[in-house]
Amino acid sequence: REGKTDLDPKEAGEIIEKFKVTLVKTSDILKYIADKA
């Protein structure tokens, strides 16, 4: 976010969005585990 990487802004934005998807999926998995338990 501070631009201290070799990523161009478009690629940085894409990576951030992909990581958000990973976070949502992680939450969904935790909900699944909690429901099963």
PDB file of all heavy atoms in Angstrom:
ATOM      1  N   ARG A   1       0.819  -1.220   0.000  1.00  0.00           N
ATOM      2  CA  ARG A   1       0.000   0.000   0.000  1.00  0.00           C
ATOM      3  C   ARG A   1       0.852   1.270   0.000  1.00  0.00           C
ATOM      4  O   ARG A   1       0.423   2.300  -0.507  1.00  0.00           O
ATOM      5  CB  ARG A   1      -0.964  -0.006   1.175  1.00  0.00           C
ATOM      6  CG  ARG A   1      -2.071  -1.045   1.026  1.00  0.00           C
ATOM      7  CD  ARG A   1      -3.027  -1.004   2.211  1.00  0.00           C
ATOM      8  NE  ARG A   1      -4.016  -2.045   2.136  1.00  0.00           N
ATOM      9  CZ  ARG A   1      -5.107  -2.016   1.388  1.00  0.00           C
ATOM     10  NH1 ARG A   1      -5.357  -0.983   0.635  1.00  0.00           N
ATOM     11  NH2 ARG A   1      -5.958  -3.024   1.407  1.00  0.00           N
ATOM     12  N   GLU A   2       2.053   1.183   0.562  1.00  0.00           N
ATOM     13  CA  GLU A   2       2.954   2.343   0.582  1.00  0.00           C
ATOM     14  C   GLU A   2       3.818   2.429  -0.674  1.00  0.00           C
ATOM     15  O   GLU A   2       4.649   3.331  -0.796  1.00  0.00           O
ATOM     16  CB  GLU A   2       3.840   2.292   1.832  1.00  0.00           C
ATOM     17  CG  GLU A   2       3.064   2.509   3.118  1.00  0.00           C
ATOM     18  CD  GLU A   2       3.904   2.331   4.370  1.00  0.00           C
ATOM     19  OE1 GLU A   2       5.099   1.944   4.269  1.00  0.00           O
ATOM     20  OE2 GLU A   2       3.371   2.586   5.464  1.00  0.00           O
ATOM     21  N   GLY A   3       3.630   1.486  -1.603  1.00  0.00           N
ATOM     22  CA  GLY A   3       4.387   1.500  -2.850  1.00  0.00           C
ATOM     23  C   GLY A   3       5.845   1.134  -2.688  1.00  0.00           C
ATOM     24  O   GLY A   3       6.690   1.525  -3.499  1.00  0.00           O
ATOM     25  N   LYS A   4       6.169   0.366  -1.658  1.00  0.00           N
ATOM     26  CA  LYS A   4       7.558  -0.015  -1.387  1.00  0.00           C
ATOM     27  C   LYS A   4       7.875  -1.414  -1.916  1.00  0.00           C
ATOM     28  O   LYS A   4       8.661  -2.141  -1.326  1.00  0.00           O
ATOM     29  CB  LYS A   4       7.827   0.052   0.115  1.00  0.00           C
ATOM     30  CG  LYS A   4       7.705   1.453   0.674  1.00  0.00           C
ATOM     31  CD  LYS A   4       7.953   1.469   2.160  1.00  0.00           C
ATOM     32  CE  LYS A   4       7.835   2.879   2.711  1.00  0.00           C
ATOM     33  NZ  LYS A   4       8.008   2.913   4.165  1.00  0.00           N
ATOM     34  N   THR A   5       7.237  -1.795  -3.020  1.00  0.00           N
ATOM     35  CA  THR A   5       7.468  -3.107  -3.627  1.00  0.00           C
ATOM     36  C   THR A   5       7.736  -2.921  -5.114  1.00  0.00           C
ATOM     37  O   THR A   5       7.670  -1.804  -5.631  1.00  0.00           O
ATOM     38  CB  THR A   5       6.241  -4.032  -3.450  1.00  0.00           C
ATOM     39  OG1 THR A   5       5.159  -3.513  -4.230  1.00  0.00           O
ATOM     40  CG2 THR A   5       5.826  -4.136  -1.993  1.00  0.00           C
ATOM     41  N   ASP A   6       8.023  -4.012  -5.783  1.00  0.00           N
ATOM     42  CA  ASP A   6       8.251  -3.975  -7.226  1.00  0.00           C
ATOM     43  C   ASP A   6       6.947  -4.100  -8.020  1.00  0.00           C
ATOM     44  O   ASP A   6       6.989  -4.215  -9.248  1.00  0.00           O
ATOM     45  CB  ASP A   6       9.205  -5.106  -7.635  1.00  0.00           C
ATOM     46  CG  ASP A   6      10.594  -4.933  -7.038  1.00  0.00           C
ATOM     47  OD1 ASP A   6      10.974  -3.786  -6.735  1.00  0.00           O
ATOM     48  OD2 ASP A   6      11.293  -5.953  -6.858  1.00  0.00           O
ATOM     49  N   LEU A   7       5.824  -4.092  -7.348  1.00  0.00           N
ATOM     50  CA  LEU A   7       4.532  -4.240  -8.023  1.00  0.00           C
ATOM     51  C   LEU A   7       4.086  -2.911  -8.628  1.00  0.00           C
ATOM     52  O   LEU A   7       4.242  -1.861  -8.007  1.00  0.00           O
ATOM     53  CB  LEU A   7       3.462  -4.695  -7.027  1.00  0.00           C
ATOM     54  CG  LEU A   7       3.689  -6.035  -6.336  1.00  0.00           C
ATOM     55  CD1 LEU A   7       2.682  -6.220  -5.215  1.00  0.00           C
ATOM     56  CD2 LEU A   7       3.586  -7.168  -7.343  1.00  0.00           C
ATOM     57  N   ASP A   8       3.500  -2.989  -9.823  1.00  0.00           N
ATOM     58  CA  ASP A   8       2.890  -1.774 -10.347  1.00  0.00           C
ATOM     59  C   ASP A   8       1.514  -1.617  -9.684  1.00  0.00           C
ATOM     60  O   ASP A   8       0.988  -2.592  -9.127  1.00  0.00           O
ATOM     61  CB  ASP A   8       2.787  -1.820 -11.883  1.00  0.00           C
ATOM     62  CG  ASP A   8       1.861  -2.908 -12.401  1.00  0.00           C
ATOM     63  OD1 ASP A   8       0.648  -2.861 -12.113  1.00  0.00           O
ATOM     64  OD2 ASP A   8       2.351  -3.807 -13.111  1.00  0.00           O
ATOM     65  N   PRO A   9       0.941  -0.422  -9.685  1.00  0.00           N
ATOM     66  CA  PRO A   9      -0.315  -0.192  -8.965  1.00  0.00           C
ATOM     67  C   PRO A   9      -1.458  -1.131  -9.361  1.00  0.00           C
ATOM     68  O   PRO A   9      -2.209  -1.586  -8.502  1.00  0.00           O
ATOM     69  CB  PRO A   9      -0.656   1.260  -9.300  1.00  0.00           C
ATOM     70  CG  PRO A   9       0.659   1.902  -9.584  1.00  0.00           C
ATOM     71  CD  PRO A   9       1.482   0.820 -10.231  1.00  0.00           C
ATOM     72  N   LYS A  10      -1.567  -1.457 -10.646  1.00  0.00           N
ATOM     73  CA  LYS A  10      -2.642  -2.357 -11.088  1.00  0.00           C
ATOM     74  C   LYS A  10      -2.457  -3.748 -10.485  1.00  0.00           C
ATOM     75  O   LYS A  10      -3.399  -4.341  -9.966  1.00  0.00           O
ATOM     76  CB  LYS A  10      -2.673  -2.441 -12.611  1.00  0.00           C
ATOM     77  CG  LYS A  10      -3.787  -3.329 -13.127  1.00  0.00           C
ATOM     78  CD  LYS A  10      -3.809  -3.412 -14.630  1.00  0.00           C
ATOM     79  CE  LYS A  10      -4.953  -4.333 -15.036  1.00  0.00           C
ATOM     80  NZ  LYS A  10      -4.772  -4.916 -16.323  1.00  0.00           N
ATOM     81  N   GLU A  11      -1.236  -4.251 -10.558  1.00  0.00           N
ATOM     82  CA  GLU A  11      -0.949  -5.574 -10.002  1.00  0.00           C
ATOM     83  C   GLU A  11      -1.150  -5.589  -8.491  1.00  0.00           C
ATOM     84  O   GLU A  11      -1.684  -6.546  -7.932  1.00  0.00           O
ATOM     85  CB  GLU A  11       0.477  -5.997 -10.359  1.00  0.00           C
ATOM     86  CG  GLU A  11       0.792  -7.424  -9.994  1.00  0.00           C
ATOM     87  CD  GLU A  11       2.194  -7.838 -10.424  1.00  0.00           C
ATOM     88  OE1 GLU A  11       3.035  -6.966 -10.702  1.00  0.00           O
ATOM     89  OE2 GLU A  11       2.440  -9.051 -10.468  1.00  0.00           O
ATOM     90  N   ALA A  12      -0.748  -4.515  -7.823  1.00  0.00           N
ATOM     91  CA  ALA A  12      -0.939  -4.408  -6.373  1.00  0.00           C
ATOM     92  C   ALA A  12      -2.422  -4.477  -6.029  1.00  0.00           C
ATOM     93  O   ALA A  12      -2.825  -5.197  -5.105  1.00  0.00           O
ATOM     94  CB  ALA A  12      -0.328  -3.111  -5.856  1.00  0.00           C
ATOM     95  N   GLY A  13      -3.240  -3.755  -6.781  1.00  0.00           N
ATOM     96  CA  GLY A  13      -4.690  -3.778  -6.548  1.00  0.00           C
ATOM     97  C   GLY A  13      -5.278  -5.161  -6.755  1.00  0.00           C
ATOM     98  O   GLY A  13      -6.134  -5.607  -5.989  1.00  0.00           O
ATOM     99  N   GLU A  14      -4.808  -5.856  -7.781  1.00  0.00           N
ATOM    100  CA  GLU A  14      -5.298  -7.214  -8.058  1.00  0.00           C
ATOM    101  C   GLU A  14      -4.925  -8.170  -6.926  1.00  0.00           C
ATOM    102  O   GLU A  14      -5.735  -9.002  -6.517  1.00  0.00           O
ATOM    103  CB  GLU A  14      -4.730  -7.716  -9.386  1.00  0.00           C
ATOM    104  CG  GLU A  14      -5.309  -7.004 -10.596  1.00  0.00           C
ATOM    105  CD  GLU A  14      -4.576  -7.332 -11.894  1.00  0.00           C
ATOM    106  OE1 GLU A  14      -3.549  -8.052 -11.864  1.00  0.00           O
ATOM    107  OE2 GLU A  14      -5.024  -6.834 -12.947  1.00  0.00           O
ATOM    108  N   ILE A  15      -3.711  -8.044  -6.424  1.00  0.00           N
ATOM    109  CA  ILE A  15      -3.271  -8.905  -5.324  1.00  0.00           C
ATOM    110  C   ILE A  15      -4.099  -8.635  -4.072  1.00  0.00           C
ATOM    111  O   ILE A  15      -4.523  -9.570  -3.383  1.00  0.00           O
ATOM    112  CB  ILE A  15      -1.765  -8.713  -5.056  1.00  0.00           C
ATOM    113  CG1 ILE A  15      -0.969  -9.363  -6.186  1.00  0.00           C
ATOM    114  CG2 ILE A  15      -1.359  -9.265  -3.697  1.00  0.00           C
ATOM    115  CD1 ILE A  15       0.509  -9.080  -6.157  1.00  0.00           C
ATOM    116  N   ILE A  16      -4.351  -7.378  -3.771  1.00  0.00           N
ATOM    117  CA  ILE A  16      -5.159  -7.023  -2.606  1.00  0.00           C
ATOM    118  C   ILE A  16      -6.558  -7.622  -2.737  1.00  0.00           C
ATOM    119  O   ILE A  16      -7.092  -8.199  -1.780  1.00  0.00           O
ATOM    120  CB  ILE A  16      -5.201  -5.492  -2.418  1.00  0.00           C
ATOM    121  CG1 ILE A  16      -3.826  -5.003  -1.957  1.00  0.00           C
ATOM    122  CG2 ILE A  16      -6.305  -5.093  -1.436  1.00  0.00           C
ATOM    123  CD1 ILE A  16      -3.645  -3.491  -1.996  1.00  0.00           C
ATOM    124  N   GLU A  17      -7.161  -7.520  -3.907  1.00  0.00           N
ATOM    125  CA  GLU A  17      -8.500  -8.088  -4.113  1.00  0.00           C
ATOM    126  C   GLU A  17      -8.496  -9.609  -3.983  1.00  0.00           C
ATOM    127  O   GLU A  17      -9.405 -10.185  -3.385  1.00  0.00           O
ATOM    128  CB  GLU A  17      -9.068  -7.660  -5.472  1.00  0.00           C
ATOM    129  CG  GLU A  17      -9.437  -6.188  -5.539  1.00  0.00           C
ATOM    130  CD  GLU A  17     -10.381  -5.755  -4.426  1.00  0.00           C
ATOM    131  OE1 GLU A  17     -11.418  -6.416  -4.213  1.00  0.00           O
ATOM    132  OE2 GLU A  17     -10.076  -4.751  -3.759  1.00  0.00           O
ATOM    133  N   LYS A  18      -7.492 -10.271  -4.514  1.00  0.00           N
ATOM    134  CA  LYS A  18      -7.396 -11.729  -4.388  1.00  0.00           C
ATOM    135  C   LYS A  18      -7.225 -12.135  -2.931  1.00  0.00           C
ATOM    136  O   LYS A  18      -7.778 -13.140  -2.486  1.00  0.00           O
ATOM    137  CB  LYS A  18      -6.239 -12.273  -5.229  1.00  0.00           C
ATOM    138  CG  LYS A  18      -6.531 -12.258  -6.715  1.00  0.00           C
ATOM    139  CD  LYS A  18      -5.348 -12.762  -7.523  1.00  0.00           C
ATOM    140  CE  LYS A  18      -5.650 -12.676  -9.003  1.00  0.00           C
ATOM    141  NZ  LYS A  18      -4.511 -13.076  -9.831  1.00  0.00           N
ATOM    142  N   PHE A  19      -6.465 -11.360  -2.191  1.00  0.00           N
ATOM    143  CA  PHE A  19      -6.273 -11.679  -0.784  1.00  0.00           C
ATOM    144  C   PHE A  19      -7.570 -11.497  -0.005  1.00  0.00           C
ATOM    145  O   PHE A  19      -7.866 -12.279   0.909  1.00  0.00           O
ATOM    146  CB  PHE A  19      -5.150 -10.832  -0.179  1.00  0.00           C
ATOM    147  CG  PHE A  19      -4.686 -11.353   1.147  1.00  0.00           C
ATOM    148  CD1 PHE A  19      -3.909 -12.496   1.225  1.00  0.00           C
ATOM    149  CD2 PHE A  19      -5.047 -10.721   2.313  1.00  0.00           C
ATOM    150  CE1 PHE A  19      -3.494 -12.992   2.452  1.00  0.00           C
ATOM    151  CE2 PHE A  19      -4.635 -11.207   3.544  1.00  0.00           C
ATOM    152  CZ  PHE A  19      -3.853 -12.350   3.616  1.00  0.00           C
ATOM    153  N   LYS A  20      -8.366 -10.509  -0.374  1.00  0.00           N
ATOM    154  CA  LYS A  20      -9.676 -10.321   0.273  1.00  0.00           C
ATOM    155  C   LYS A  20     -10.549 -11.559   0.074  1.00  0.00           C
ATOM    156  O   LYS A  20     -11.246 -11.981   0.991  1.00  0.00           O
ATOM    157  CB  LYS A  20     -10.383  -9.085  -0.273  1.00  0.00           C
ATOM    158  CG  LYS A  20      -9.802  -7.783   0.219  1.00  0.00           C
ATOM    159  CD  LYS A  20     -10.563  -6.601  -0.384  1.00  0.00           C
ATOM    160  CE  LYS A  20      -9.995  -5.281   0.040  1.00  0.00           C
ATOM    161  NZ  LYS A  20     -10.727  -4.147  -0.568  1.00  0.00           N
ATOM    162  N   VAL A  21     -10.500 -12.132  -1.126  1.00  0.00           N
ATOM    163  CA  VAL A  21     -11.252 -13.362  -1.399  1.00  0.00           C
ATOM    164  C   VAL A  21     -10.770 -14.482  -0.476  1.00  0.00           C
ATOM    165  O   VAL A  21     -11.575 -15.235   0.082  1.00  0.00           O
ATOM    166  CB  VAL A  21     -11.129 -13.767  -2.890  1.00  0.00           C
ATOM    167  CG1 VAL A  21     -11.704 -15.154  -3.138  1.00  0.00           C
ATOM    168  CG2 VAL A  21     -11.804 -12.733  -3.778  1.00  0.00           C
ATOM    169  N   THR A  22      -9.465 -14.579  -0.295  1.00  0.00           N
ATOM    170  CA  THR A  22      -8.903 -15.586   0.609  1.00  0.00           C
ATOM    171  C   THR A  22      -9.397 -15.384   2.031  1.00  0.00           C
ATOM    172  O   THR A  22      -9.731 -16.351   2.730  1.00  0.00           O
ATOM    173  CB  THR A  22      -7.355 -15.534   0.562  1.00  0.00           C
ATOM    174  OG1 THR A  22      -6.936 -15.771  -0.775  1.00  0.00           O
ATOM    175  CG2 THR A  22      -6.735 -16.542   1.497  1.00  0.00           C
ATOM    176  N   LEU A  23      -9.467 -14.136   2.481  1.00  0.00           N
ATOM    177  CA  LEU A  23      -9.962 -13.846   3.832  1.00  0.00           C
ATOM    178  C   LEU A  23     -11.423 -14.250   3.993  1.00  0.00           C
ATOM    179  O   LEU A  23     -11.808 -14.845   5.009  1.00  0.00           O
ATOM    180  CB  LEU A  23      -9.783 -12.359   4.154  1.00  0.00           C
ATOM    181  CG  LEU A  23      -8.345 -11.878   4.271  1.00  0.00           C
ATOM    182  CD1 LEU A  23      -8.307 -10.362   4.413  1.00  0.00           C
ATOM    183  CD2 LEU A  23      -7.639 -12.543   5.439  1.00  0.00           C
ATOM    184  N   VAL A  24     -12.234 -13.953   2.990  1.00  0.00           N
ATOM    185  CA  VAL A  24     -13.650 -14.328   3.038  1.00  0.00           C
ATOM    186  C   VAL A  24     -13.780 -15.847   3.074  1.00  0.00           C
ATOM    187  O   VAL A  24     -14.563 -16.392   3.859  1.00  0.00           O
ATOM    188  CB  VAL A  24     -14.422 -13.717   1.846  1.00  0.00           C
ATOM    189  CG1 VAL A  24     -15.810 -14.322   1.714  1.00  0.00           C
ATOM    190  CG2 VAL A  24     -14.499 -12.199   1.992  1.00  0.00           C
ATOM    191  N   LYS A  25     -13.009 -16.545   2.263  1.00  0.00           N
ATOM    192  CA  LYS A  25     -13.060 -18.011   2.254  1.00  0.00           C
ATOM    193  C   LYS A  25     -12.608 -18.586   3.589  1.00  0.00           C
ATOM    194  O   LYS A  25     -13.169 -19.572   4.071  1.00  0.00           O
ATOM    195  CB  LYS A  25     -12.213 -18.568   1.108  1.00  0.00           C
ATOM    196  CG  LYS A  25     -12.846 -18.351  -0.252  1.00  0.00           C
ATOM    197  CD  LYS A  25     -12.002 -18.929  -1.353  1.00  0.00           C
ATOM    198  CE  LYS A  25     -12.666 -18.707  -2.702  1.00  0.00           C
ATOM    199  NZ  LYS A  25     -11.897 -19.272  -3.809  1.00  0.00           N
ATOM    200  N   THR A  26     -11.594 -17.983   4.200  1.00  0.00           N
ATOM    201  CA  THR A  26     -11.137 -18.437   5.512  1.00  0.00           C
ATOM    202  C   THR A  26     -12.250 -18.281   6.540  1.00  0.00           C
ATOM    203  O   THR A  26     -12.494 -19.181   7.356  1.00  0.00           O
ATOM    204  CB  THR A  26      -9.878 -17.663   5.945  1.00  0.00           C
ATOM    205  OG1 THR A  26      -8.857 -17.876   4.964  1.00  0.00           O
ATOM    206  CG2 THR A  26      -9.391 -18.115   7.309  1.00  0.00           C
ATOM    207  N   SER A  27     -12.949 -17.170   6.494  1.00  0.00           N
ATOM    208  CA  SER A  27     -14.075 -16.955   7.398  1.00  0.00           C
ATOM    209  C   SER A  27     -15.174 -17.989   7.155  1.00  0.00           C
ATOM    210  O   SER A  27     -15.750 -18.530   8.101  1.00  0.00           O
ATOM    211  CB  SER A  27     -14.635 -15.541   7.224  1.00  0.00           C
ATOM    212  OG  SER A  27     -15.733 -15.322   8.074  1.00  0.00           O
ATOM    213  N   ASP A  28     -15.444 -18.272   5.883  1.00  0.00           N
ATOM    214  CA  ASP A  28     -16.461 -19.274   5.548  1.00  0.00           C
ATOM    215  C   ASP A  28     -16.075 -20.657   6.092  1.00  0.00           C
ATOM    216  O   ASP A  28     -16.925 -21.399   6.587  1.00  0.00           O
ATOM    217  CB  ASP A  28     -16.670 -19.355   4.034  1.00  0.00           C
ATOM    218  CG  ASP A  28     -17.356 -18.123   3.458  1.00  0.00           C
ATOM    219  OD1 ASP A  28     -17.937 -17.329   4.241  1.00  0.00           O
ATOM    220  OD2 ASP A  28     -17.295 -17.940   2.223  1.00  0.00           O
ATOM    221  N   ILE A  29     -14.806 -20.988   6.004  1.00  0.00           N
ATOM    222  CA  ILE A  29     -14.330 -22.279   6.524  1.00  0.00           C
ATOM    223  C   ILE A  29     -14.484 -22.325   8.041  1.00  0.00           C
ATOM    224  O   ILE A  29     -14.929 -23.337   8.607  1.00  0.00           O
ATOM    225  CB  ILE A  29     -12.874 -22.546   6.097  1.00  0.00           C
ATOM    226  CG1 ILE A  29     -12.811 -22.808   4.594  1.00  0.00           C
ATOM    227  CG2 ILE A  29     -12.264 -23.707   6.880  1.00  0.00           C
ATOM    228  CD1 ILE A  29     -11.418 -22.781   4.004  1.00  0.00           C
ATOM    229  N   LEU A  30     -14.140 -21.235   8.716  1.00  0.00           N
ATOM    230  CA  LEU A  30     -14.302 -21.196  10.175  1.00  0.00           C
ATOM    231  C   LEU A  30     -15.768 -21.334  10.568  1.00  0.00           C
ATOM    232  O   LEU A  30     -16.096 -22.008  11.539  1.00  0.00           O
ATOM    233  CB  LEU A  30     -13.712 -19.903  10.746  1.00  0.00           C
ATOM    234  CG  LEU A  30     -12.191 -19.850  10.784  1.00  0.00           C
ATOM    235  CD1 LEU A  30     -11.726 -18.465  11.209  1.00  0.00           C
ATOM    236  CD2 LEU A  30     -11.631 -20.905  11.725  1.00  0.00           C
ATOM    237  N   LYS A  31     -16.654 -20.703   9.796  1.00  0.00           N
ATOM    238  CA  LYS A  31     -18.086 -20.835  10.072  1.00  0.00           C
ATOM    239  C   LYS A  31     -18.520 -22.283   9.889  1.00  0.00           C
ATOM    240  O   LYS A  31     -19.266 -22.826  10.706  1.00  0.00           O
ATOM    241  CB  LYS A  31     -18.916 -19.921   9.187  1.00  0.00           C
ATOM    242  CG  LYS A  31     -20.415 -20.075   9.445  1.00  0.00           C
ATOM    243  CD  LYS A  31     -21.233 -19.041   8.772  1.00  0.00           C
ATOM    244  CE  LYS A  31     -22.709 -19.158   9.023  1.00  0.00           C
ATOM    245  NZ  LYS A  31     -23.216 -20.159   9.921  1.00  0.00           N
ATOM    246  N   TYR A  32     -18.056 -22.935   8.832  1.00  0.00           N
ATOM    247  CA  TYR A  32     -18.376 -24.336   8.579  1.00  0.00           C
ATOM    248  C   TYR A  32     -17.918 -25.209   9.749  1.00  0.00           C
ATOM    249  O   TYR A  32     -18.672 -26.054  10.244  1.00  0.00           O
ATOM    250  CB  TYR A  32     -17.718 -24.787   7.269  1.00  0.00           C
ATOM    251  CG  TYR A  32     -17.801 -26.269   7.033  1.00  0.00           C
ATOM    252  CD1 TYR A  32     -18.967 -26.842   6.523  1.00  0.00           C
ATOM    253  CD2 TYR A  32     -16.721 -27.108   7.323  1.00  0.00           C
ATOM    254  CE1 TYR A  32     -19.050 -28.216   6.312  1.00  0.00           C
ATOM    255  CE2 TYR A  32     -16.800 -28.468   7.111  1.00  0.00           C
ATOM    256  CZ  TYR A  32     -17.962 -29.019   6.609  1.00  0.00           C
ATOM    257  OH  TYR A  32     -18.041 -30.369   6.413  1.00  0.00           O
ATOM    258  N   ILE A  33     -16.682 -25.006  10.190  1.00  0.00           N
ATOM    259  CA  ILE A  33     -16.151 -25.788  11.313  1.00  0.00           C
ATOM    260  C   ILE A  33     -16.970 -25.548  12.571  1.00  0.00           C
ATOM    261  O   ILE A  33     -17.324 -26.492  13.291  1.00  0.00           O
ATOM    262  CB  ILE A  33     -14.661 -25.462  11.544  1.00  0.00           C
ATOM    263  CG1 ILE A  33     -13.827 -25.938  10.347  1.00  0.00           C
ATOM    264  CG2 ILE A  33     -14.154 -26.079  12.843  1.00  0.00           C
ATOM    265  CD1 ILE A  33     -12.401 -25.397  10.333  1.00  0.00           C
ATOM    266  N   ALA A  34     -17.277 -24.285  12.851  1.00  0.00           N
ATOM    267  CA  ALA A  34     -18.070 -23.950  14.038  1.00  0.00           C
ATOM    268  C   ALA A  34     -19.446 -24.609  13.963  1.00  0.00           C
ATOM    269  O   ALA A  34     -19.921 -25.181  14.958  1.00  0.00           O
ATOM    270  CB  ALA A  34     -18.205 -22.437  14.179  1.00  0.00           C
ATOM    271  N   ASP A  35     -20.082 -24.544  12.791  1.00  0.00           N
ATOM    272  CA  ASP A  35     -21.396 -25.170  12.628  1.00  0.00           C
ATOM    273  C   ASP A  35     -21.322 -26.677  12.871  1.00  0.00           C
ATOM    274  O   ASP A  35     -22.162 -27.240  13.573  1.00  0.00           O
ATOM    275  CB  ASP A  35     -21.961 -24.894  11.224  1.00  0.00           C
ATOM    276  CG  ASP A  35     -22.405 -23.463  11.021  1.00  0.00           C
ATOM    277  OD1 ASP A  35     -22.510 -22.709  12.015  1.00  0.00           O
ATOM    278  OD2 ASP A  35     -22.627 -23.084   9.847  1.00  0.00           O
ATOM    279  N   LYS A  36     -20.309 -27.327  12.290  1.00  0.00           N
ATOM    280  CA  LYS A  36     -20.154 -28.774  12.473  1.00  0.00           C
ATOM    281  C   LYS A  36     -19.912 -29.130  13.934  1.00  0.00           C
ATOM    282  O   LYS A  36     -20.339 -30.176  14.404  1.00  0.00           O
ATOM    283  CB  LYS A  36     -18.991 -29.306  11.630  1.00  0.00           C
ATOM    284  CG  LYS A  36     -19.252 -29.317  10.149  1.00  0.00           C
ATOM    285  CD  LYS A  36     -20.342 -30.271   9.770  1.00  0.00           C
ATOM    286  CE  LYS A  36     -19.798 -31.489   9.124  1.00  0.00           C
ATOM    287  NZ  LYS A  36     -20.829 -32.417   8.676  1.00  0.00           N
ATOM    288  N   ALA A  37     -19.231 -28.242  14.656  1.00  0.00           N
ATOM    289  CA  ALA A  37     -18.902 -28.489  16.059  1.00  0.00           C
ATOM    290  C   ALA A  37     -20.001 -28.029  17.013  1.00  0.00           C
ATOM    291  O   ALA A  37     -19.881 -28.206  18.220  1.00  0.00           O
ATOM    292  CB  ALA A  37     -17.589 -27.790  16.406  1.00  0.00           C
TER     293      ALA A  37
END
